[in-house]
């Protein structure tokens, strides 16, 4: 009954058909995000009774299903029972991960207290007000504004959209960033994913921006608008040695390319202390919690 196949670019129309009818709250259910991590997370999928089922492996090597997409409430119990059988037969570590609140409510309405739902803080998405990231107003953004102002006053720089003309520059910058940050594990898989995004720029829906300092590429970022309210920042890389470059690219990318939405999703911190500190420093308005069922 289950015939999982690895995710490829050719599957985008299938995913678009399922995903476009849902207003997802987190970054997980963007085709761009799934495509970025298809190798790192061994992403596979199948269609079961008109429902999209995605299977995934986390960086800790634990395996699970993502939230079923396209299910109806009256067939959810039957669907979950089939997934439980597959989980037991194939030794998946979790039944579900990457779950959003509406699905949790649906599954609780069937199983009640019989099912153990776990908050997954390390994978909670950081959600920001677009206007906060652009304006950097008030005491809570004082340090960011100072660094931003230092950058624009101190460096000879230019920004441009990512186009085919600068793909090699972006890839070389990504490789350099990876090398400087102990290029292994999820960082190495991210590099593979960045290369896939850049190589398929014409087929994916993302927006990219690069920053050149003294005529050398020094930062680039990739994001996408996923619905009328929210955009997601998938990739943001910059030269740490250039003061204010991260605040500059963060503010400028949102200002130039993502100004039509209210919220910016800057994804999760994976439990990495430095990443958590950096994401909190931009004062998110909420953490979009995700859940697991083991």
C-alpha atoms as a PDB file:
ATOM      1  CA  UNK A   1       0.000   0.000   0.000  1.00  0.00           C
ATOM      2  CA  UNK A   2       2.884   2.364   0.771  1.00  0.00           C
ATOM      3  CA  UNK A   3       5.197   3.216  -2.101  1.00  0.00           C
ATOM      4  CA  UNK A   4       7.478   6.022  -0.953  1.00  0.00           C
ATOM      5  CA  UNK A   5       9.626   7.846  -3.496  1.00  0.00           C
ATOM      6  CA  UNK A   6      12.408  10.378  -2.952  1.00  0.00           C
ATOM      7  CA  UNK A   7      11.400  14.017  -3.417  1.00  0.00           C
ATOM      8  CA  UNK A   8      12.526  15.572  -6.716  1.00  0.00           C
ATOM      9  CA  UNK A   9      11.951  18.866  -8.473  1.00  0.00           C
ATOM     10  CA  UNK A  10       9.498  17.139 -10.813  1.00  0.00           C
ATOM     11  CA  UNK A  11       7.208  16.557  -7.806  1.00  0.00           C
ATOM     12  CA  UNK A  12       6.627  20.292  -7.275  1.00  0.00           C
ATOM     13  CA  UNK A  13       3.241  20.375  -9.112  1.00  0.00           C
ATOM     14  CA  UNK A  14       1.983  17.553  -6.874  1.00  0.00           C
ATOM     15  CA  UNK A  15       3.066  19.349  -3.719  1.00  0.00           C
ATOM     16  CA  UNK A  16       1.739  22.689  -4.947  1.00  0.00           C
ATOM     17  CA  UNK A  17      -1.668  21.086  -5.507  1.00  0.00           C
ATOM     18  CA  UNK A  18      -1.820  19.846  -1.906  1.00  0.00           C
ATOM     19  CA  UNK A  19      -0.103  22.756  -0.170  1.00  0.00           C
ATOM     20  CA  UNK A  20      -1.921  25.660  -1.826  1.00  0.00           C
ATOM     21  CA  UNK A  21      -5.190  24.923  -0.030  1.00  0.00           C
ATOM     22  CA  UNK A  22      -3.554  25.119   3.429  1.00  0.00           C
ATOM     23  CA  UNK A  23      -2.425  28.224   5.293  1.00  0.00           C
ATOM     24  CA  UNK A  24       0.457  26.665   7.199  1.00  0.00           C
ATOM     25  CA  UNK A  25       1.872  28.446  10.213  1.00  0.00           C
ATOM     26  CA  UNK A  26       5.424  27.045  10.148  1.00  0.00           C
ATOM     27  CA  UNK A  27       8.273  26.743   7.662  1.00  0.00           C
ATOM     28  CA  UNK A  28       8.059  22.956   7.311  1.00  0.00           C
ATOM     29  CA  UNK A  29       5.332  22.831   4.671  1.00  0.00           C
ATOM     30  CA  UNK A  30       6.975  24.975   2.022  1.00  0.00           C
ATOM     31  CA  UNK A  31       8.115  23.063  -1.054  1.00  0.00           C
ATOM     32  CA  UNK A  32      11.261  25.198  -1.134  1.00  0.00           C
ATOM     33  CA  UNK A  33      12.097  24.149   2.418  1.00  0.00           C
ATOM     34  CA  UNK A  34      11.396  20.480   1.696  1.00  0.00           C
ATOM     35  CA  UNK A  35      13.501  20.658  -1.468  1.00  0.00           C
ATOM     36  CA  UNK A  36      16.340  22.389   0.402  1.00  0.00           C
ATOM     37  CA  UNK A  37      16.529  19.552   2.938  1.00  0.00           C
ATOM     38  CA  UNK A  38      15.540  16.611   0.711  1.00  0.00           C
ATOM     39  CA  UNK A  39      19.004  15.067   0.944  1.00  0.00           C
ATOM     40  CA  UNK A  40      19.819  16.061   4.522  1.00  0.00           C
ATOM     41  CA  UNK A  41      16.491  14.723   5.809  1.00  0.00           C
ATOM     42  CA  UNK A  42      16.000  11.887   3.314  1.00  0.00           C
ATOM     43  CA  UNK A  43      12.567  13.233   2.376  1.00  0.00           C
ATOM     44  CA  UNK A  44      10.218  10.789   0.657  1.00  0.00           C
ATOM     45  CA  UNK A  45       6.512  10.883  -0.033  1.00  0.00           C
ATOM     46  CA  UNK A  46       3.500   8.884  -1.178  1.00  0.00           C
ATOM     47  CA  UNK A  47      -0.175   9.507  -1.825  1.00  0.00           C
ATOM     48  CA  UNK A  48      -2.521   7.433   0.342  1.00  0.00           C
ATOM     49  CA  UNK A  49      -6.287   7.680  -0.156  1.00  0.00           C
ATOM     50  CA  UNK A  50      -5.970  11.165  -1.640  1.00  0.00           C
ATOM     51  CA  UNK A  51      -3.681  12.349   1.180  1.00  0.00           C
ATOM     52  CA  UNK A  52      -0.051  13.447   0.852  1.00  0.00           C
ATOM     53  CA  UNK A  53       2.163  11.531   3.285  1.00  0.00           C
ATOM     54  CA  UNK A  54       5.732  12.780   3.812  1.00  0.00           C
ATOM     55  CA  UNK A  55       8.399  10.703   5.559  1.00  0.00           C
ATOM     56  CA  UNK A  56      11.493  12.357   6.958  1.00  0.00           C
ATOM     57  CA  UNK A  57      14.660  11.697   8.969  1.00  0.00           C
ATOM     58  CA  UNK A  58      15.940  14.333  11.401  1.00  0.00           C
ATOM     59  CA  UNK A  59      19.574  15.269  11.957  1.00  0.00           C
ATOM     60  CA  UNK A  60      19.603  13.048  15.054  1.00  0.00           C
ATOM     61  CA  UNK A  61      18.697  10.183  12.664  1.00  0.00           C
ATOM     62  CA  UNK A  62      15.197   9.754  14.111  1.00  0.00           C
ATOM     63  CA  UNK A  63      12.535   8.981  11.513  1.00  0.00           C
ATOM     64  CA  UNK A  64       8.907  10.098  11.374  1.00  0.00           C
ATOM     65  CA  UNK A  65       5.927  11.144   9.296  1.00  0.00           C
ATOM     66  CA  UNK A  66       5.137  14.797   8.854  1.00  0.00           C
ATOM     67  CA  UNK A  67       1.587  16.056   9.161  1.00  0.00           C
ATOM     68  CA  UNK A  68      -0.687  14.365   6.574  1.00  0.00           C
ATOM     69  CA  UNK A  69      -1.805  16.908   3.979  1.00  0.00           C
ATOM     70  CA  UNK A  70      -5.215  16.777   2.382  1.00  0.00           C
ATOM     71  CA  UNK A  71      -6.880  14.527   4.960  1.00  0.00           C
ATOM     72  CA  UNK A  72     -10.520  14.851   5.916  1.00  0.00           C
ATOM     73  CA  UNK A  73     -11.548  14.628   9.560  1.00  0.00           C
ATOM     74  CA  UNK A  74     -13.841  11.686   8.894  1.00  0.00           C
ATOM     75  CA  UNK A  75     -11.004   9.571   7.464  1.00  0.00           C
ATOM     76  CA  UNK A  76      -8.213  10.740   9.779  1.00  0.00           C
ATOM     77  CA  UNK A  77      -8.516   7.856  12.262  1.00  0.00           C
ATOM     78  CA  UNK A  78      -8.301   5.271   9.494  1.00  0.00           C
ATOM     79  CA  UNK A  79      -5.319   7.092   8.008  1.00  0.00           C
ATOM     80  CA  UNK A  80      -3.488   7.298  11.340  1.00  0.00           C
ATOM     81  CA  UNK A  81      -4.058   3.597  12.013  1.00  0.00           C
ATOM     82  CA  UNK A  82      -2.399   2.759   8.685  1.00  0.00           C
ATOM     83  CA  UNK A  83       0.563   4.981   9.550  1.00  0.00           C
ATOM     84  CA  UNK A  84       0.876   3.341  12.974  1.00  0.00           C
ATOM     85  CA  UNK A  85       1.129  -0.071  11.261  1.00  0.00           C
ATOM     86  CA  UNK A  86       3.829   1.208   8.932  1.00  0.00           C
ATOM     87  CA  UNK A  87       5.707   2.808  11.829  1.00  0.00           C
ATOM     88  CA  UNK A  88       5.736  -0.446  13.793  1.00  0.00           C
ATOM     89  CA  UNK A  89       6.707  -2.576  10.804  1.00  0.00           C
ATOM     90  CA  UNK A  90       9.527  -0.241   9.729  1.00  0.00           C
ATOM     91  CA  UNK A  91      10.810   0.876  13.157  1.00  0.00           C
ATOM     92  CA  UNK A  92      10.182   4.592  12.782  1.00  0.00           C
ATOM     93  CA  UNK A  93      11.220   6.467  15.910  1.00  0.00           C
ATOM     94  CA  UNK A  94       8.184   8.753  15.996  1.00  0.00           C
ATOM     95  CA  UNK A  95       4.742   8.490  14.529  1.00  0.00           C
ATOM     96  CA  UNK A  96       4.612  12.240  13.772  1.00  0.00           C
ATOM     97  CA  UNK A  97       6.813  15.307  14.086  1.00  0.00           C
ATOM     98  CA  UNK A  98       6.574  18.855  12.662  1.00  0.00           C
ATOM     99  CA  UNK A  99       2.927  19.017  13.722  1.00  0.00           C
ATOM    100  CA  UNK A 100       1.028  22.294  13.861  1.00  0.00           C
ATOM    101  CA  UNK A 101      -1.682  23.230  16.360  1.00  0.00           C
ATOM    102  CA  UNK A 102      -4.752  22.670  14.115  1.00  0.00           C
ATOM    103  CA  UNK A 103      -3.706  19.082  13.410  1.00  0.00           C
ATOM    104  CA  UNK A 104      -3.127  18.508  17.118  1.00  0.00           C
ATOM    105  CA  UNK A 105      -6.714  19.572  17.801  1.00  0.00           C
ATOM    106  CA  UNK A 106      -8.012  17.203  15.132  1.00  0.00           C
ATOM    107  CA  UNK A 107      -6.097  14.221  16.427  1.00  0.00           C
ATOM    108  CA  UNK A 108      -7.031  14.965  20.063  1.00  0.00           C
ATOM    109  CA  UNK A 109     -10.677  14.961  19.030  1.00  0.00           C
ATOM    110  CA  UNK A 110     -10.215  11.322  18.000  1.00  0.00           C
ATOM    111  CA  UNK A 111      -7.794   9.924  20.597  1.00  0.00           C
ATOM    112  CA  UNK A 112      -8.206  12.270  23.546  1.00  0.00           C
ATOM    113  CA  UNK A 113      -5.744  11.501  26.348  1.00  0.00           C
ATOM    114  CA  UNK A 114      -4.732   8.192  24.784  1.00  0.00           C
ATOM    115  CA  UNK A 115      -2.109   9.890  22.641  1.00  0.00           C
ATOM    116  CA  UNK A 116       1.027  11.541  24.027  1.00  0.00           C
ATOM    117  CA  UNK A 117       1.671  14.957  22.462  1.00  0.00           C
ATOM    118  CA  UNK A 118       5.118  16.489  23.025  1.00  0.00           C
ATOM    119  CA  UNK A 119       6.125  20.125  22.542  1.00  0.00           C
ATOM    120  CA  UNK A 120       9.182  20.375  20.285  1.00  0.00           C
ATOM    121  CA  UNK A 121      10.814  23.635  21.441  1.00  0.00           C
ATOM    122  CA  UNK A 122      13.994  23.124  19.430  1.00  0.00           C
ATOM    123  CA  UNK A 123      11.959  23.185  16.222  1.00  0.00           C
ATOM    124  CA  UNK A 124       9.634  26.060  17.127  1.00  0.00           C
ATOM    125  CA  UNK A 125       9.665  28.776  14.467  1.00  0.00           C
ATOM    126  CA  UNK A 126      10.538  32.374  15.328  1.00  0.00           C
ATOM    127  CA  UNK A 127       7.880  34.770  14.020  1.00  0.00           C
ATOM    128  CA  UNK A 128       8.558  38.512  13.701  1.00  0.00           C
ATOM    129  CA  UNK A 129       6.594  41.558  12.685  1.00  0.00           C
ATOM    130  CA  UNK A 130       7.811  42.746   9.310  1.00  0.00           C
ATOM    131  CA  UNK A 131       7.664  46.366  10.461  1.00  0.00           C
ATOM    132  CA  UNK A 132       9.905  45.594  13.457  1.00  0.00           C
ATOM    133  CA  UNK A 133      12.612  44.129  11.239  1.00  0.00           C
ATOM    134  CA  UNK A 134      12.472  47.057   8.836  1.00  0.00           C
ATOM    135  CA  UNK A 135      12.201  49.960  11.263  1.00  0.00           C
ATOM    136  CA  UNK A 136      14.356  48.697  14.170  1.00  0.00           C
ATOM    137  CA  UNK A 137      12.580  51.156  16.465  1.00  0.00           C
ATOM    138  CA  UNK A 138      12.917  51.489  20.201  1.00  0.00           C
ATOM    139  CA  UNK A 139      15.322  50.396  22.911  1.00  0.00           C
ATOM    140  CA  UNK A 140      14.937  46.699  22.170  1.00  0.00           C
ATOM    141  CA  UNK A 141      16.427  47.247  18.681  1.00  0.00           C
ATOM    142  CA  UNK A 142      18.976  49.887  19.713  1.00  0.00           C
ATOM    143  CA  UNK A 143      21.991  47.609  19.267  1.00  0.00           C
ATOM    144  CA  UNK A 144      20.793  46.306  15.876  1.00  0.00           C
ATOM    145  CA  UNK A 145      20.200  49.853  14.644  1.00  0.00           C
ATOM    146  CA  UNK A 146      23.678  50.921  15.747  1.00  0.00           C
ATOM    147  CA  UNK A 147      25.320  48.032  13.908  1.00  0.00           C
ATOM    148  CA  UNK A 148      23.196  48.678  10.818  1.00  0.00           C
ATOM    149  CA  UNK A 149      24.135  52.371  10.808  1.00  0.00           C
ATOM    150  CA  UNK A 150      27.805  51.532  11.263  1.00  0.00           C
ATOM    151  CA  UNK A 151      27.710  49.263   8.214  1.00  0.00           C
ATOM    152  CA  UNK A 152      26.036  51.733   5.852  1.00  0.00           C
ATOM    153  CA  UNK A 153      28.397  54.538   6.911  1.00  0.00           C
ATOM    154  CA  UNK A 154      31.636  52.550   6.930  1.00  0.00           C
ATOM    155  CA  UNK A 155      31.615  50.262   3.883  1.00  0.00           C
ATOM    156  CA  UNK A 156      31.486  50.517   0.129  1.00  0.00           C
ATOM    157  CA  UNK A 157      28.682  48.115  -0.705  1.00  0.00           C
ATOM    158  CA  UNK A 158      25.950  47.284  -3.179  1.00  0.00           C
ATOM    159  CA  UNK A 159      22.956  44.960  -3.107  1.00  0.00           C
ATOM    160  CA  UNK A 160      21.380  43.062  -5.984  1.00  0.00           C
ATOM    161  CA  UNK A 161      18.834  40.316  -6.559  1.00  0.00           C
ATOM    162  CA  UNK A 162      20.170  36.809  -7.008  1.00  0.00           C
ATOM    163  CA  UNK A 163      20.129  36.044 -10.719  1.00  0.00           C
ATOM    164  CA  UNK A 164      21.923  33.515 -12.901  1.00  0.00           C
ATOM    165  CA  UNK A 165      24.782  35.982 -13.334  1.00  0.00           C
ATOM    166  CA  UNK A 166      25.851  35.691  -9.702  1.00  0.00           C
ATOM    167  CA  UNK A 167      24.956  32.086  -8.868  1.00  0.00           C
ATOM    168  CA  UNK A 168      28.611  31.022  -8.743  1.00  0.00           C
ATOM    169  CA  UNK A 169      29.437  33.912  -6.421  1.00  0.00           C
ATOM    170  CA  UNK A 170      26.645  32.840  -4.059  1.00  0.00           C
ATOM    171  CA  UNK A 171      27.715  29.203  -4.126  1.00  0.00           C
ATOM    172  CA  UNK A 172      31.347  30.117  -3.432  1.00  0.00           C
ATOM    173  CA  UNK A 173      30.217  32.305  -0.518  1.00  0.00           C
ATOM    174  CA  UNK A 174      28.142  29.399   0.840  1.00  0.00           C
ATOM    175  CA  UNK A 175      31.134  27.051   0.577  1.00  0.00           C
ATOM    176  CA  UNK A 176      33.360  29.544   2.364  1.00  0.00           C
ATOM    177  CA  UNK A 177      30.793  30.005   5.151  1.00  0.00           C
ATOM    178  CA  UNK A 178      30.487  26.231   5.514  1.00  0.00           C
ATOM    179  CA  UNK A 179      34.272  25.822   5.671  1.00  0.00           C
ATOM    180  CA  UNK A 180      34.534  28.482   8.378  1.00  0.00           C
ATOM    181  CA  UNK A 181      31.800  26.823  10.444  1.00  0.00           C
ATOM    182  CA  UNK A 182      33.035  23.236  10.731  1.00  0.00           C
ATOM    183  CA  UNK A 183      31.458  22.017   7.504  1.00  0.00           C
ATOM    184  CA  UNK A 184      29.764  18.790   8.557  1.00  0.00           C
ATOM    185  CA  UNK A 185      26.424  17.493   9.754  1.00  0.00           C
ATOM    186  CA  UNK A 186      23.425  19.679   9.064  1.00  0.00           C
ATOM    187  CA  UNK A 187      25.695  22.559   7.903  1.00  0.00           C
ATOM    188  CA  UNK A 188      27.115  20.379   5.134  1.00  0.00           C
ATOM    189  CA  UNK A 189      23.644  19.178   4.138  1.00  0.00           C
ATOM    190  CA  UNK A 190      22.510  22.794   4.061  1.00  0.00           C
ATOM    191  CA  UNK A 191      25.321  23.519   1.598  1.00  0.00           C
ATOM    192  CA  UNK A 192      24.056  20.699  -0.634  1.00  0.00           C
ATOM    193  CA  UNK A 193      20.580  22.191  -0.395  1.00  0.00           C
ATOM    194  CA  UNK A 194      21.771  25.706  -1.229  1.00  0.00           C
ATOM    195  CA  UNK A 195      23.478  24.348  -4.327  1.00  0.00           C
ATOM    196  CA  UNK A 196      20.205  22.679  -5.368  1.00  0.00           C
ATOM    197  CA  UNK A 197      18.256  25.914  -4.855  1.00  0.00           C
ATOM    198  CA  UNK A 198      20.755  27.946  -6.858  1.00  0.00           C
ATOM    199  CA  UNK A 199      20.916  25.387  -9.678  1.00  0.00           C
ATOM    200  CA  UNK A 200      17.130  25.448 -10.001  1.00  0.00           C
ATOM    201  CA  UNK A 201      16.501  29.163  -9.685  1.00  0.00           C
ATOM    202  CA  UNK A 202      14.072  29.188 -12.625  1.00  0.00           C
ATOM    203  CA  UNK A 203      11.875  26.398 -11.235  1.00  0.00           C
ATOM    204  CA  UNK A 204      11.439  27.464  -7.609  1.00  0.00           C
ATOM    205  CA  UNK A 205       9.474  30.359  -6.148  1.00  0.00           C
ATOM    206  CA  UNK A 206      12.113  31.898  -3.900  1.00  0.00           C
ATOM    207  CA  UNK A 207      13.529  35.420  -3.849  1.00  0.00           C
ATOM    208  CA  UNK A 208      17.224  36.035  -3.243  1.00  0.00           C
ATOM    209  CA  UNK A 209      19.448  39.011  -2.502  1.00  0.00           C
ATOM    210  CA  UNK A 210      23.230  39.353  -2.372  1.00  0.00           C
ATOM    211  CA  UNK A 211      25.467  42.017  -0.829  1.00  0.00           C
ATOM    212  CA  UNK A 212      28.868  42.906  -2.240  1.00  0.00           C
ATOM    213  CA  UNK A 213      31.354  44.761  -0.055  1.00  0.00           C
ATOM    214  CA  UNK A 214      34.328  46.279  -1.877  1.00  0.00           C
ATOM    215  CA  UNK A 215      33.164  44.364  -4.980  1.00  0.00           C
ATOM    216  CA  UNK A 216      33.341  40.995  -3.232  1.00  0.00           C
ATOM    217  CA  UNK A 217      30.261  38.971  -2.364  1.00  0.00           C
ATOM    218  CA  UNK A 218      29.965  39.075   1.398  1.00  0.00           C
ATOM    219  CA  UNK A 219      26.398  38.008   2.140  1.00  0.00           C
ATOM    220  CA  UNK A 220      23.342  36.483   0.530  1.00  0.00           C
ATOM    221  CA  UNK A 221      19.883  35.473   1.636  1.00  0.00           C
ATOM    222  CA  UNK A 222      17.008  33.415   0.224  1.00  0.00           C
ATOM    223  CA  UNK A 223      13.356  33.620   1.213  1.00  0.00           C
ATOM    224  CA  UNK A 224       9.841  33.325  -0.157  1.00  0.00           C
ATOM    225  CA  UNK A 225       6.357  34.712   0.365  1.00  0.00           C
ATOM    226  CA  UNK A 226       4.181  31.708   1.238  1.00  0.00           C
ATOM    227  CA  UNK A 227       0.790  33.353   1.764  1.00  0.00           C
ATOM    228  CA  UNK A 228      -0.829  36.772   2.116  1.00  0.00           C
ATOM    229  CA  UNK A 229       0.422  37.152   5.683  1.00  0.00           C
ATOM    230  CA  UNK A 230       3.813  35.456   5.944  1.00  0.00           C
ATOM    231  CA  UNK A 231       7.214  35.133   4.325  1.00  0.00           C
ATOM    232  CA  UNK A 232       9.951  32.689   5.305  1.00  0.00           C
ATOM    233  CA  UNK A 233      13.695  33.328   5.395  1.00  0.00           C
ATOM    234  CA  UNK A 234      15.282  30.016   4.416  1.00  0.00           C
ATOM    235  CA  UNK A 235      18.944  31.026   4.098  1.00  0.00           C
ATOM    236  CA  UNK A 236      21.003  33.919   5.460  1.00  0.00           C
ATOM    237  CA  UNK A 237      24.796  33.865   5.205  1.00  0.00           C
ATOM    238  CA  UNK A 238      27.189  36.734   5.842  1.00  0.00           C
ATOM    239  CA  UNK A 239      30.817  37.467   6.615  1.00  0.00           C
ATOM    240  CA  UNK A 240      30.970  37.689  10.423  1.00  0.00           C
ATOM    241  CA  UNK A 241      34.049  39.908  10.259  1.00  0.00           C
ATOM    242  CA  UNK A 242      32.087  42.772   8.659  1.00  0.00           C
ATOM    243  CA  UNK A 243      30.375  44.666  11.453  1.00  0.00           C
ATOM    244  CA  UNK A 244      26.694  45.296  10.841  1.00  0.00           C
ATOM    245  CA  UNK A 245      26.406  43.093   7.754  1.00  0.00           C
ATOM    246  CA  UNK A 246      23.911  40.677   9.318  1.00  0.00           C
ATOM    247  CA  UNK A 247      21.608  43.486  10.554  1.00  0.00           C
ATOM    248  CA  UNK A 248      21.942  45.140   7.151  1.00  0.00           C
ATOM    249  CA  UNK A 249      20.963  42.101   5.094  1.00  0.00           C
ATOM    250  CA  UNK A 250      18.179  41.189   7.518  1.00  0.00           C
ATOM    251  CA  UNK A 251      16.572  44.652   7.360  1.00  0.00           C
ATOM    252  CA  UNK A 252      17.210  45.355   3.689  1.00  0.00           C
ATOM    253  CA  UNK A 253      15.957  42.030   2.326  1.00  0.00           C
ATOM    254  CA  UNK A 254      12.648  42.378   4.157  1.00  0.00           C
ATOM    255  CA  UNK A 255      12.357  46.026   3.162  1.00  0.00           C
ATOM    256  CA  UNK A 256      13.069  45.479  -0.538  1.00  0.00           C
ATOM    257  CA  UNK A 257      11.471  42.115  -1.236  1.00  0.00           C
ATOM    258  CA  UNK A 258       9.123  40.997   1.551  1.00  0.00           C
ATOM    259  CA  UNK A 259       7.327  44.221   2.348  1.00  0.00           C
ATOM    260  CA  UNK A 260       3.863  42.997   1.335  1.00  0.00           C
ATOM    261  CA  UNK A 261       3.383  40.628   4.281  1.00  0.00           C
ATOM    262  CA  UNK A 262       2.838  41.214   7.987  1.00  0.00           C
ATOM    263  CA  UNK A 263       4.940  38.412   9.463  1.00  0.00           C
ATOM    264  CA  UNK A 264       8.426  37.068   8.822  1.00  0.00           C
ATOM    265  CA  UNK A 265       9.242  33.486   9.793  1.00  0.00           C
ATOM    266  CA  UNK A 266      12.952  33.023  10.463  1.00  0.00           C
ATOM    267  CA  UNK A 267      12.632  29.306  11.163  1.00  0.00           C
ATOM    268  CA  UNK A 268      13.919  27.354  14.159  1.00  0.00           C
ATOM    269  CA  UNK A 269      17.093  27.324  16.263  1.00  0.00           C
ATOM    270  CA  UNK A 270      17.555  23.505  16.376  1.00  0.00           C
ATOM    271  CA  UNK A 271      18.544  23.843  20.032  1.00  0.00           C
ATOM    272  CA  UNK A 272      21.836  25.528  19.055  1.00  0.00           C
ATOM    273  CA  UNK A 273      22.680  28.065  21.748  1.00  0.00           C
ATOM    274  CA  UNK A 274      24.261  30.684  19.491  1.00  0.00           C
ATOM    275  CA  UNK A 275      21.445  30.451  16.962  1.00  0.00           C
ATOM    276  CA  UNK A 276      18.831  30.768  19.701  1.00  0.00           C
ATOM    277  CA  UNK A 277      20.530  33.852  21.094  1.00  0.00           C
ATOM    278  CA  UNK A 278      20.702  35.436  17.639  1.00  0.00           C
ATOM    279  CA  UNK A 279      17.044  34.767  16.856  1.00  0.00           C
ATOM    280  CA  UNK A 280      15.856  36.020  20.238  1.00  0.00           C
ATOM    281  CA  UNK A 281      17.890  39.201  19.776  1.00  0.00           C
ATOM    282  CA  UNK A 282      15.500  40.280  17.011  1.00  0.00           C
ATOM    283  CA  UNK A 283      12.563  40.180  19.446  1.00  0.00           C
ATOM    284  CA  UNK A 284      10.094  37.701  17.917  1.00  0.00           C
ATOM    285  CA  UNK A 285       6.434  38.375  18.602  1.00  0.00           C
ATOM    286  CA  UNK A 286       5.816  34.644  19.059  1.00  0.00           C
ATOM    287  CA  UNK A 287       7.270  31.173  18.819  1.00  0.00           C
ATOM    288  CA  UNK A 288       5.199  28.982  16.520  1.00  0.00           C
ATOM    289  CA  UNK A 289       5.359  25.740  18.469  1.00  0.00           C
ATOM    290  CA  UNK A 290       5.554  22.378  16.732  1.00  0.00           C
ATOM    291  CA  UNK A 291       4.625  19.039  18.244  1.00  0.00           C
ATOM    292  CA  UNK A 292       5.623  15.392  18.124  1.00  0.00           C
ATOM    293  CA  UNK A 293       3.740  12.167  18.750  1.00  0.00           C
ATOM    294  CA  UNK A 294       5.919   9.195  19.533  1.00  0.00           C
END
